[in-house]
Amino acid sequence: MKPLELLRAAYGTAELLAPGIVEGLLIGRAPDQRARAVIRILGARHLLQAALTARGGRTLHRLGGGVDLVHALTMVALAAFDRRRRRPAVVNAAVALAFAAGEWR
């Protein structure tokens, strides 16, 4: 696995196993139960994406970067429309953009 896939897999594992700790470190407060469920789903997506891109070529990496970009855009939209979730959405968008940039390099 390349460093990006290893980082993605580690991040996904942390989100899946300890969503409260991950979110707490990123935004400074523990998430509610519903947010923890969403974080776990995102963690599973990161693990799946890391496994798929580790086996694929350039096209699969670009598709993965596209998934990350769509995720970032949805987080930006959430930040714009929901003040209560603005901070976690912006942080999540930044993480997704970082992964997208890594996939598209």
PDB file of N, CA and C in Angstrom:
ATOM      1  N   MET A   1       0.843  -1.192   0.000  1.00  0.00           N
ATOM      2  CA  MET A   1       0.000   0.000   0.000  1.00  0.00           C
ATOM      3  C   MET A   1       0.883   1.250   0.000  1.00  0.00           C
ATOM      4  N   LYS A   2       0.398   2.260  -0.675  1.00  0.00           N
ATOM      5  CA  LYS A   2       1.099   3.535  -0.706  1.00  0.00           C
ATOM      6  C   LYS A   2       0.759   4.332   0.550  1.00  0.00           C
ATOM      7  N   PRO A   3       1.540   5.364   0.845  1.00  0.00           N
ATOM      8  CA  PRO A   3       1.289   6.153   2.054  1.00  0.00           C
ATOM      9  C   PRO A   3      -0.133   6.715   2.139  1.00  0.00           C
ATOM     10  N   LEU A   4      -0.701   7.165   1.009  1.00  0.00           N
ATOM     11  CA  LEU A   4      -2.061   7.708   1.043  1.00  0.00           C
ATOM     12  C   LEU A   4      -3.076   6.649   1.440  1.00  0.00           C
ATOM     13  N   GLU A   5      -2.945   5.446   0.892  1.00  0.00           N
ATOM     14  CA  GLU A   5      -3.871   4.374   1.265  1.00  0.00           C
ATOM     15  C   GLU A   5      -3.701   3.975   2.729  1.00  0.00           C
ATOM     16  N   LEU A   6      -2.451   3.959   3.196  1.00  0.00           N
ATOM     17  CA  LEU A   6      -2.214   3.639   4.610  1.00  0.00           C
ATOM     18  C   LEU A   6      -2.829   4.693   5.520  1.00  0.00           C
ATOM     19  N   LEU A   7      -2.656   5.958   5.155  1.00  0.00           N
ATOM     20  CA  LEU A   7      -3.246   7.042   5.943  1.00  0.00           C
ATOM     21  C   LEU A   7      -4.765   6.953   5.921  1.00  0.00           C
ATOM     22  N   ARG A   8      -5.325   6.711   4.740  1.00  0.00           N
ATOM     23  CA  ARG A   8      -6.782   6.590   4.623  1.00  0.00           C
ATOM     24  C   ARG A   8      -7.297   5.404   5.447  1.00  0.00           C
ATOM     25  N   ALA A   9      -6.601   4.280   5.373  1.00  0.00           N
ATOM     26  CA  ALA A   9      -7.020   3.103   6.132  1.00  0.00           C
ATOM     27  C   ALA A   9      -6.937   3.363   7.635  1.00  0.00           C
ATOM     28  N   ALA A  10      -5.877   4.025   8.081  1.00  0.00           N
ATOM     29  CA  ALA A  10      -5.736   4.347   9.508  1.00  0.00           C
ATOM     30  C   ALA A  10      -6.835   5.307   9.957  1.00  0.00           C
ATOM     31  N   TYR A  11      -7.097   6.323   9.139  1.00  0.00           N
ATOM     32  CA  TYR A  11      -8.147   7.296   9.468  1.00  0.00           C
ATOM     33  C   TYR A  11      -9.515   6.608   9.503  1.00  0.00           C
ATOM     34  N   GLY A  12      -9.773   5.755   8.513  1.00  0.00           N
ATOM     35  CA  GLY A  12     -11.045   5.026   8.481  1.00  0.00           C
ATOM     36  C   GLY A  12     -11.208   4.100   9.670  1.00  0.00           C
ATOM     37  N   THR A  13     -10.137   3.423  10.040  1.00  0.00           N
ATOM     38  CA  THR A  13     -10.185   2.531  11.202  1.00  0.00           C
ATOM     39  C   THR A  13     -10.479   3.321  12.474  1.00  0.00           C
ATOM     40  N   ALA A  14      -9.830   4.457  12.623  1.00  0.00           N
ATOM     41  CA  ALA A  14     -10.067   5.297  13.803  1.00  0.00           C
ATOM     42  C   ALA A  14     -11.513   5.788  13.826  1.00  0.00           C
ATOM     43  N   GLU A  15     -12.040   6.209  12.663  1.00  0.00           N
ATOM     44  CA  GLU A  15     -13.434   6.665  12.618  1.00  0.00           C
ATOM     45  C   GLU A  15     -14.396   5.526  12.940  1.00  0.00           C
ATOM     46  N   LEU A  16     -14.092   4.353  12.464  1.00  0.00           N
ATOM     47  CA  LEU A  16     -14.960   3.210  12.683  1.00  0.00           C
ATOM     48  C   LEU A  16     -14.949   2.751  14.136  1.00  0.00           C
ATOM     49  N   LEU A  17     -13.775   2.699  14.741  1.00  0.00           N
ATOM     50  CA  LEU A  17     -13.644   2.157  16.091  1.00  0.00           C
ATOM     51  C   LEU A  17     -13.810   3.191  17.204  1.00  0.00           C
ATOM     52  N   ALA A  18     -13.453   4.435  16.932  1.00  0.00           N
ATOM     53  CA  ALA A  18     -13.502   5.466  17.981  1.00  0.00           C
ATOM     54  C   ALA A  18     -13.998   6.805  17.409  1.00  0.00           C
ATOM     55  N   PRO A  19     -15.241   6.835  16.922  1.00  0.00           N
ATOM     56  CA  PRO A  19     -15.717   8.069  16.281  1.00  0.00           C
ATOM     57  C   PRO A  19     -15.759   9.263  17.218  1.00  0.00           C
ATOM     58  N   GLY A  20     -16.029   9.046  18.474  1.00  0.00           N
ATOM     59  CA  GLY A  20     -16.073  10.151  19.428  1.00  0.00           C
ATOM     60  C   GLY A  20     -14.712  10.794  19.630  1.00  0.00           C
ATOM     61  N   ILE A  21     -13.683   9.966  19.702  1.00  0.00           N
ATOM     62  CA  ILE A  21     -12.329  10.480  19.903  1.00  0.00           C
ATOM     63  C   ILE A  21     -11.857  11.234  18.662  1.00  0.00           C
ATOM     64  N   VAL A  22     -12.093  10.652  17.482  1.00  0.00           N
ATOM     65  CA  VAL A  22     -11.663  11.298  16.232  1.00  0.00           C
ATOM     66  C   VAL A  22     -12.338  12.659  16.088  1.00  0.00           C
ATOM     67  N   GLU A  23     -13.634  12.687  16.236  1.00  0.00           N
ATOM     68  CA  GLU A  23     -14.373  13.946  16.091  1.00  0.00           C
ATOM     69  C   GLU A  23     -13.979  14.933  17.183  1.00  0.00           C
ATOM     70  N   GLY A  24     -13.796  14.438  18.386  1.00  0.00           N
ATOM     71  CA  GLY A  24     -13.385  15.307  19.473  1.00  0.00           C
ATOM     72  C   GLY A  24     -12.039  15.976  19.207  1.00  0.00           C
ATOM     73  N   LEU A  25     -11.102  15.209  18.660  1.00  0.00           N
ATOM     74  CA  LEU A  25      -9.796  15.774  18.330  1.00  0.00           C
ATOM     75  C   LEU A  25      -9.883  16.778  17.182  1.00  0.00           C
ATOM     76  N   LEU A  26     -10.737  16.486  16.201  1.00  0.00           N
ATOM     77  CA  LEU A  26     -10.830  17.356  15.033  1.00  0.00           C
ATOM     78  C   LEU A  26     -11.584  18.657  15.300  1.00  0.00           C
ATOM     79  N   ILE A  27     -12.663  18.581  16.069  1.00  0.00           N
ATOM     80  CA  ILE A  27     -13.479  19.791  16.247  1.00  0.00           C
ATOM     81  C   ILE A  27     -13.561  20.289  17.676  1.00  0.00           C
ATOM     82  N   GLY A  28     -13.001  19.538  18.607  1.00  0.00           N
ATOM     83  CA  GLY A  28     -12.951  20.028  19.968  1.00  0.00           C
ATOM     84  C   GLY A  28     -14.139  19.680  20.842  1.00  0.00           C
ATOM     85  N   ARG A  29     -15.053  18.860  20.334  1.00  0.00           N
ATOM     86  CA  ARG A  29     -16.171  18.413  21.172  1.00  0.00           C
ATOM     87  C   ARG A  29     -16.642  17.043  20.698  1.00  0.00           C
ATOM     88  N   ALA A  30     -17.207  16.296  21.619  1.00  0.00           N
ATOM     89  CA  ALA A  30     -17.677  14.951  21.294  1.00  0.00           C
ATOM     90  C   ALA A  30     -18.973  15.027  20.485  1.00  0.00           C
ATOM     91  N   PRO A  31     -19.126  14.153  19.494  1.00  0.00           N
ATOM     92  CA  PRO A  31     -20.341  14.151  18.689  1.00  0.00           C
ATOM     93  C   PRO A  31     -21.492  13.446  19.407  1.00  0.00           C
ATOM     94  N   ASP A  32     -22.718  13.742  18.971  1.00  0.00           N
ATOM     95  CA  ASP A  32     -23.876  13.037  19.516  1.00  0.00           C
ATOM     96  C   ASP A  32     -23.960  11.643  18.889  1.00  0.00           C
ATOM     97  N   GLN A  33     -24.927  10.839  19.324  1.00  0.00           N
ATOM     98  CA  GLN A  33     -25.045   9.454  18.852  1.00  0.00           C
ATOM     99  C   GLN A  33     -25.255   9.370  17.346  1.00  0.00           C
ATOM    100  N   ARG A  34     -26.094  10.243  16.800  1.00  0.00           N
ATOM    101  CA  ARG A  34     -26.362  10.217  15.361  1.00  0.00           C
ATOM    102  C   ARG A  34     -25.091  10.550  14.570  1.00  0.00           C
ATOM    103  N   ALA A  35     -24.367  11.524  15.033  1.00  0.00           N
ATOM    104  CA  ALA A  35     -23.118  11.890  14.355  1.00  0.00           C
ATOM    105  C   ALA A  35     -22.105  10.752  14.433  1.00  0.00           C
ATOM    106  N   ARG A  36     -22.074  10.041  15.544  1.00  0.00           N
ATOM    107  CA  ARG A  36     -21.152   8.900  15.670  1.00  0.00           C
ATOM    108  C   ARG A  36     -21.478   7.819  14.647  1.00  0.00           C
ATOM    109  N   ALA A  37     -22.767   7.585  14.421  1.00  0.00           N
ATOM    110  CA  ALA A  37     -23.178   6.588  13.418  1.00  0.00           C
ATOM    111  C   ALA A  37     -22.708   7.014  12.023  1.00  0.00           C
ATOM    112  N   VAL A  38     -22.864   8.283  11.704  1.00  0.00           N
ATOM    113  CA  VAL A  38     -22.423   8.794  10.405  1.00  0.00           C
ATOM    114  C   VAL A  38     -20.904   8.688  10.276  1.00  0.00           C
ATOM    115  N   ILE A  39     -20.189   9.008  11.339  1.00  0.00           N
ATOM    116  CA  ILE A  39     -18.725   8.925  11.320  1.00  0.00           C
ATOM    117  C   ILE A  39     -18.283   7.484  11.086  1.00  0.00           C
ATOM    118  N   ARG A  40     -18.972   6.532  11.698  1.00  0.00           N
ATOM    119  CA  ARG A  40     -18.627   5.123  11.479  1.00  0.00           C
ATOM    120  C   ARG A  40     -18.849   4.719  10.017  1.00  0.00           C
ATOM    121  N   ILE A  41     -19.926   5.194   9.418  1.00  0.00           N
ATOM    122  CA  ILE A  41     -20.183   4.905   8.001  1.00  0.00           C
ATOM    123  C   ILE A  41     -19.064   5.492   7.139  1.00  0.00           C
ATOM    124  N   LEU A  42     -18.663   6.717   7.438  1.00  0.00           N
ATOM    125  CA  LEU A  42     -17.566   7.332   6.694  1.00  0.00           C
ATOM    126  C   LEU A  42     -16.265   6.560   6.891  1.00  0.00           C
ATOM    127  N   GLY A  43     -16.049   6.059   8.095  1.00  0.00           N
ATOM    128  CA  GLY A  43     -14.862   5.249   8.353  1.00  0.00           C
ATOM    129  C   GLY A  43     -14.851   3.987   7.508  1.00  0.00           C
ATOM    130  N   ALA A  44     -16.012   3.333   7.407  1.00  0.00           N
ATOM    131  CA  ALA A  44     -16.116   2.135   6.569  1.00  0.00           C
ATOM    132  C   ALA A  44     -15.855   2.476   5.108  1.00  0.00           C
ATOM    133  N   ARG A  45     -16.341   3.638   4.657  1.00  0.00           N
ATOM    134  CA  ARG A  45     -16.086   4.063   3.274  1.00  0.00           C
ATOM    135  C   ARG A  45     -14.595   4.265   3.047  1.00  0.00           C
ATOM    136  N   HIS A  46     -13.920   4.898   4.000  1.00  0.00           N
ATOM    137  CA  HIS A  46     -12.477   5.123   3.857  1.00  0.00           C
ATOM    138  C   HIS A  46     -11.716   3.798   3.790  1.00  0.00           C
ATOM    139  N   LEU A  47     -12.106   2.838   4.609  1.00  0.00           N
ATOM    140  CA  LEU A  47     -11.438   1.529   4.572  1.00  0.00           C
ATOM    141  C   LEU A  47     -11.655   0.838   3.234  1.00  0.00           C
ATOM    142  N   LEU A  48     -12.892   0.864   2.748  1.00  0.00           N
ATOM    143  CA  LEU A  48     -13.196   0.248   1.464  1.00  0.00           C
ATOM    144  C   LEU A  48     -12.438   0.946   0.338  1.00  0.00           C
ATOM    145  N   GLN A  49     -12.432   2.257   0.379  1.00  0.00           N
ATOM    146  CA  GLN A  49     -11.739   3.013  -0.664  1.00  0.00           C
ATOM    147  C   GLN A  49     -10.240   2.753  -0.632  1.00  0.00           C
ATOM    148  N   ALA A  50      -9.664   2.653   0.546  1.00  0.00           N
ATOM    149  CA  ALA A  50      -8.226   2.350   0.647  1.00  0.00           C
ATOM    150  C   ALA A  50      -7.926   0.976   0.061  1.00  0.00           C
ATOM    151  N   ALA A  51      -8.779   0.013   0.358  1.00  0.00           N
ATOM    152  CA  ALA A  51      -8.565  -1.339  -0.167  1.00  0.00           C
ATOM    153  C   ALA A  51      -8.699  -1.374  -1.685  1.00  0.00           C
ATOM    154  N   LEU A  52      -9.687  -0.674  -2.220  1.00  0.00           N
ATOM    155  CA  LEU A  52      -9.900  -0.670  -3.667  1.00  0.00           C
ATOM    156  C   LEU A  52      -8.791   0.062  -4.411  1.00  0.00           C
ATOM    157  N   THR A  53      -8.399   1.224  -3.912  1.00  0.00           N
ATOM    158  CA  THR A  53      -7.374   1.986  -4.625  1.00  0.00           C
ATOM    159  C   THR A  53      -6.005   1.337  -4.501  1.00  0.00           C
ATOM    160  N   ALA A  54      -5.778   0.570  -3.449  1.00  0.00           N
ATOM    161  CA  ALA A  54      -4.497  -0.126  -3.303  1.00  0.00           C
ATOM    162  C   ALA A  54      -4.319  -1.168  -4.401  1.00  0.00           C
ATOM    163  N   ARG A  55      -5.415  -1.693  -4.898  1.00  0.00           N
ATOM    164  CA  ARG A  55      -5.359  -2.734  -5.934  1.00  0.00           C
ATOM    165  C   ARG A  55      -5.504  -2.177  -7.344  1.00  0.00           C
ATOM    166  N   GLY A  56      -5.927  -0.925  -7.443  1.00  0.00           N
ATOM    167  CA  GLY A  56      -6.221  -0.372  -8.754  1.00  0.00           C
ATOM    168  C   GLY A  56      -5.124   0.522  -9.290  1.00  0.00           C
ATOM    169  N   GLY A  57      -5.331   0.953 -10.497  1.00  0.00           N
ATOM    170  CA  GLY A  57      -4.372   1.837 -11.138  1.00  0.00           C
ATOM    171  C   GLY A  57      -4.800   3.290 -11.032  1.00  0.00           C
ATOM    172  N   ARG A  58      -4.276   4.068 -11.928  1.00  0.00           N
ATOM    173  CA  ARG A  58      -4.500   5.516 -11.936  1.00  0.00           C
ATOM    174  C   ARG A  58      -5.989   5.880 -12.048  1.00  0.00           C
ATOM    175  N   THR A  59      -6.722   5.157 -12.889  1.00  0.00           N
ATOM    176  CA  THR A  59      -8.145   5.452 -13.075  1.00  0.00           C
ATOM    177  C   THR A  59      -8.915   5.272 -11.778  1.00  0.00           C
ATOM    178  N   LEU A  60      -8.625   4.209 -11.063  1.00  0.00           N
ATOM    179  CA  LEU A  60      -9.321   3.966  -9.796  1.00  0.00           C
ATOM    180  C   LEU A  60      -8.971   5.036  -8.766  1.00  0.00           C
ATOM    181  N   HIS A  61      -7.731   5.503  -8.768  1.00  0.00           N
ATOM    182  CA  HIS A  61      -7.348   6.589  -7.865  1.00  0.00           C
ATOM    183  C   HIS A  61      -8.111   7.864  -8.219  1.00  0.00           C
ATOM    184  N   ARG A  62      -8.246   8.129  -9.494  1.00  0.00           N
ATOM    185  CA  ARG A  62      -8.986   9.334  -9.917  1.00  0.00           C
ATOM    186  C   ARG A  62     -10.455   9.236  -9.531  1.00  0.00           C
ATOM    187  N   LEU A  63     -11.043   8.067  -9.680  1.00  0.00           N
ATOM    188  CA  LEU A  63     -12.433   7.877  -9.249  1.00  0.00           C
ATOM    189  C   LEU A  63     -12.563   8.087  -7.746  1.00  0.00           C
ATOM    190  N   GLY A  64     -11.606   7.554  -6.992  1.00  0.00           N
ATOM    191  CA  GLY A  64     -11.606   7.754  -5.543  1.00  0.00           C
ATOM    192  C   GLY A  64     -11.481   9.223  -5.188  1.00  0.00           C
ATOM    193  N   GLY A  65     -10.642   9.947  -5.918  1.00  0.00           N
ATOM    194  CA  GLY A  65     -10.518  11.382  -5.703  1.00  0.00           C
ATOM    195  C   GLY A  65     -11.819  12.103  -6.013  1.00  0.00           C
ATOM    196  N   GLY A  66     -12.539  11.618  -7.027  1.00  0.00           N
ATOM    197  CA  GLY A  66     -13.847  12.194  -7.337  1.00  0.00           C
ATOM    198  C   GLY A  66     -14.848  11.976  -6.224  1.00  0.00           C
ATOM    199  N   VAL A  67     -14.822  10.792  -5.632  1.00  0.00           N
ATOM    200  CA  VAL A  67     -15.694  10.505  -4.480  1.00  0.00           C
ATOM    201  C   VAL A  67     -15.370  11.455  -3.335  1.00  0.00           C
ATOM    202  N   ASP A  68     -14.084  11.658  -3.086  1.00  0.00           N
ATOM    203  CA  ASP A  68     -13.669  12.577  -2.024  1.00  0.00           C
ATOM    204  C   ASP A  68     -14.114  14.007  -2.330  1.00  0.00           C
ATOM    205  N   LEU A  69     -14.012  14.406  -3.588  1.00  0.00           N
ATOM    206  CA  LEU A  69     -14.427  15.756  -3.970  1.00  0.00           C
ATOM    207  C   LEU A  69     -15.927  15.946  -3.779  1.00  0.00           C
ATOM    208  N   VAL A  70     -16.722  14.966  -4.167  1.00  0.00           N
ATOM    209  CA  VAL A  70     -18.177  15.050  -3.951  1.00  0.00           C
ATOM    210  C   VAL A  70     -18.476  15.135  -2.457  1.00  0.00           C
ATOM    211  N   HIS A  71     -17.768  14.338  -1.667  1.00  0.00           N
ATOM    212  CA  HIS A  71     -17.955  14.378  -0.212  1.00  0.00           C
ATOM    213  C   HIS A  71     -17.629  15.777   0.324  1.00  0.00           C
ATOM    214  N   ALA A  72     -16.525  16.351  -0.131  1.00  0.00           N
ATOM    215  CA  ALA A  72     -16.146  17.693   0.322  1.00  0.00           C
ATOM    216  C   ALA A  72     -17.217  18.714  -0.045  1.00  0.00           C
ATOM    217  N   LEU A  73     -17.746  18.624  -1.257  1.00  0.00           N
ATOM    218  CA  LEU A  73     -18.781  19.570  -1.688  1.00  0.00           C
ATOM    219  C   LEU A  73     -20.060  19.434  -0.865  1.00  0.00           C
ATOM    220  N   THR A  74     -20.422  18.203  -0.516  1.00  0.00           N
ATOM    221  CA  THR A  74     -21.615  18.035   0.324  1.00  0.00           C
ATOM    222  C   THR A  74     -21.383  18.614   1.717  1.00  0.00           C
ATOM    223  N   MET A  75     -20.164  18.503   2.216  1.00  0.00           N
ATOM    224  CA  MET A  75     -19.857  19.081   3.522  1.00  0.00           C
ATOM    225  C   MET A  75     -19.888  20.608   3.477  1.00  0.00           C
ATOM    226  N   VAL A  76     -19.427  21.189   2.385  1.00  0.00           N
ATOM    227  CA  VAL A  76     -19.496  22.647   2.226  1.00  0.00           C
ATOM    228  C   VAL A  76     -20.955  23.091   2.196  1.00  0.00           C
ATOM    229  N   ALA A  77     -21.805  22.344   1.486  1.00  0.00           N
ATOM    230  CA  ALA A  77     -23.228  22.677   1.446  1.00  0.00           C
ATOM    231  C   ALA A  77     -23.841  22.558   2.840  1.00  0.00           C
ATOM    232  N   LEU A  78     -23.493  21.507   3.577  1.00  0.00           N
ATOM    233  CA  LEU A  78     -24.005  21.346   4.935  1.00  0.00           C
ATOM    234  C   LEU A  78     -23.567  22.511   5.816  1.00  0.00           C
ATOM    235  N   ALA A  79     -22.319  22.910   5.689  1.00  0.00           N
ATOM    236  CA  ALA A  79     -21.804  24.040   6.475  1.00  0.00           C
ATOM    237  C   ALA A  79     -22.562  25.317   6.156  1.00  0.00           C
ATOM    238  N   ALA A  80     -22.936  25.484   4.903  1.00  0.00           N
ATOM    239  CA  ALA A  80     -23.659  26.694   4.506  1.00  0.00           C
ATOM    240  C   ALA A  80     -25.085  26.727   5.044  1.00  0.00           C
ATOM    241  N   PHE A  81     -25.707  25.567   5.185  1.00  0.00           N
ATOM    242  CA  PHE A  81     -27.124  25.525   5.542  1.00  0.00           C
ATOM    243  C   PHE A  81     -27.424  25.140   6.982  1.00  0.00           C
ATOM    244  N   ASP A  82     -26.462  24.642   7.719  1.00  0.00           N
ATOM    245  CA  ASP A  82     -26.723  24.197   9.090  1.00  0.00           C
ATOM    246  C   ASP A  82     -25.645  24.776  10.016  1.00  0.00           C
ATOM    247  N   ARG A  83     -26.002  25.847  10.703  1.00  0.00           N
ATOM    248  CA  ARG A  83     -25.034  26.507  11.600  1.00  0.00           C
ATOM    249  C   ARG A  83     -24.503  25.593  12.685  1.00  0.00           C
ATOM    250  N   ARG A  84     -25.350  24.719  13.209  1.00  0.00           N
ATOM    251  CA  ARG A  84     -24.924  23.839  14.299  1.00  0.00           C
ATOM    252  C   ARG A  84     -23.841  22.859  13.850  1.00  0.00           C
ATOM    253  N   ARG A  85     -23.854  22.490  12.583  1.00  0.00           N
ATOM    254  CA  ARG A  85     -22.883  21.512  12.087  1.00  0.00           C
ATOM    255  C   ARG A  85     -21.787  22.158  11.233  1.00  0.00           C
ATOM    256  N   ARG A  86     -21.714  23.464  11.258  1.00  0.00           N
ATOM    257  CA  ARG A  86     -20.767  24.174  10.392  1.00  0.00           C
ATOM    258  C   ARG A  86     -19.318  23.760  10.650  1.00  0.00           C
ATOM    259  N   ARG A  87     -18.909  23.809  11.899  1.00  0.00           N
ATOM    260  CA  ARG A  87     -17.504  23.508  12.202  1.00  0.00           C
ATOM    261  C   ARG A  87     -17.123  22.076  11.825  1.00  0.00           C
ATOM    262  N   PRO A  88     -17.886  21.047  12.245  1.00  0.00           N
ATOM    263  CA  PRO A  88     -17.494  19.692  11.833  1.00  0.00           C
ATOM    264  C   PRO A  88     -17.567  19.498  10.322  1.00  0.00           C
ATOM    265  N   ALA A  89     -18.508  20.160   9.659  1.00  0.00           N
ATOM    266  CA  ALA A  89     -18.621  20.020   8.206  1.00  0.00           C
ATOM    267  C   ALA A  89     -17.414  20.632   7.503  1.00  0.00           C
ATOM    268  N   VAL A  90     -16.959  21.779   7.973  1.00  0.00           N
ATOM    269  CA  VAL A  90     -15.787  22.424   7.359  1.00  0.00           C
ATOM    270  C   VAL A  90     -14.539  21.569   7.571  1.00  0.00           C
ATOM    271  N   VAL A  91     -14.375  21.035   8.766  1.00  0.00           N
ATOM    272  CA  VAL A  91     -13.221  20.169   9.045  1.00  0.00           C
ATOM    273  C   VAL A  91     -13.282  18.919   8.171  1.00  0.00           C
ATOM    274  N   ASN A  92     -14.477  18.323   8.075  1.00  0.00           N
ATOM    275  CA  ASN A  92     -14.643  17.131   7.265  1.00  0.00           C
ATOM    276  C   ASN A  92     -14.376  17.426   5.798  1.00  0.00           C
ATOM    277  N   ALA A  93     -14.813  18.585   5.324  1.00  0.00           N
ATOM    278  CA  ALA A  93     -14.545  18.983   3.937  1.00  0.00           C
ATOM    279  C   ALA A  93     -13.048  19.132   3.697  1.00  0.00           C
ATOM    280  N   ALA A  94     -12.340  19.691   4.663  1.00  0.00           N
ATOM    281  CA  ALA A  94     -10.886  19.860   4.520  1.00  0.00           C
ATOM    282  C   ALA A  94     -10.181  18.507   4.434  1.00  0.00           C
ATOM    283  N   VAL A  95     -10.597  17.560   5.254  1.00  0.00           N
ATOM    284  CA  VAL A  95     -10.010  16.217   5.212  1.00  0.00           C
ATOM    285  C   VAL A  95     -10.298  15.569   3.857  1.00  0.00           C
ATOM    286  N   ALA A  96     -11.538  15.679   3.398  1.00  0.00           N
ATOM    287  CA  ALA A  96     -11.911  15.085   2.108  1.00  0.00           C
ATOM    288  C   ALA A  96     -11.129  15.732   0.962  1.00  0.00           C
ATOM    289  N   LEU A  97     -10.945  17.042   1.020  1.00  0.00           N
ATOM    290  CA  LEU A  97     -10.165  17.720  -0.021  1.00  0.00           C
ATOM    291  C   LEU A  97      -8.705  17.270  -0.009  1.00  0.00           C
ATOM    292  N   ALA A  98      -8.166  17.055   1.178  1.00  0.00           N
ATOM    293  CA  ALA A  98      -6.783  16.574   1.277  1.00  0.00           C
ATOM    294  C   ALA A  98      -6.647  15.187   0.646  1.00  0.00           C
ATOM    295  N   PHE A  99      -7.606  14.310   0.926  1.00  0.00           N
ATOM    296  CA  PHE A  99      -7.567  12.989   0.308  1.00  0.00           C
ATOM    297  C   PHE A  99      -7.762  13.092  -1.200  1.00  0.00           C
ATOM    298  N   ALA A 100      -8.676  13.951  -1.652  1.00  0.00           N
ATOM    299  CA  ALA A 100      -8.898  14.126  -3.091  1.00  0.00           C
ATOM    300  C   ALA A 100      -7.622  14.611  -3.771  1.00  0.00           C
ATOM    301  N   ALA A 101      -6.952  15.564  -3.167  1.00  0.00           N
ATOM    302  CA  ALA A 101      -5.714  16.088  -3.747  1.00  0.00           C
ATOM    303  C   ALA A 101      -4.656  14.978  -3.844  1.00  0.00           C
ATOM    304  N   GLY A 102      -4.599  14.143  -2.835  1.00  0.00           N
ATOM    305  CA  GLY A 102      -3.654  13.039  -2.858  1.00  0.00           C
ATOM    306  C   GLY A 102      -3.951  12.026  -3.947  1.00  0.00           C
ATOM    307  N   GLU A 103      -5.225  11.791  -4.215  1.00  0.00           N
ATOM    308  CA  GLU A 103      -5.610  10.846  -5.259  1.00  0.00           C
ATOM    309  C   GLU A 103      -5.370  11.403  -6.656  1.00  0.00           C
ATOM    310  N   TRP A 104      -5.455  12.717  -6.814  1.00  0.00           N
ATOM    311  CA  TRP A 104      -5.345  13.326  -8.137  1.00  0.00           C
ATOM    312  C   TRP A 104      -3.926  13.750  -8.500  1.00  0.00           C
ATOM    313  N   ARG A 105      -2.991  13.605  -7.592  1.00  0.00           N
ATOM    314  CA  ARG A 105      -1.621  14.050  -7.894  1.00  0.00           C
ATOM    315  C   ARG A 105      -0.978  13.246  -8.984  1.00  0.00           C
TER     316      ARG A 105
END
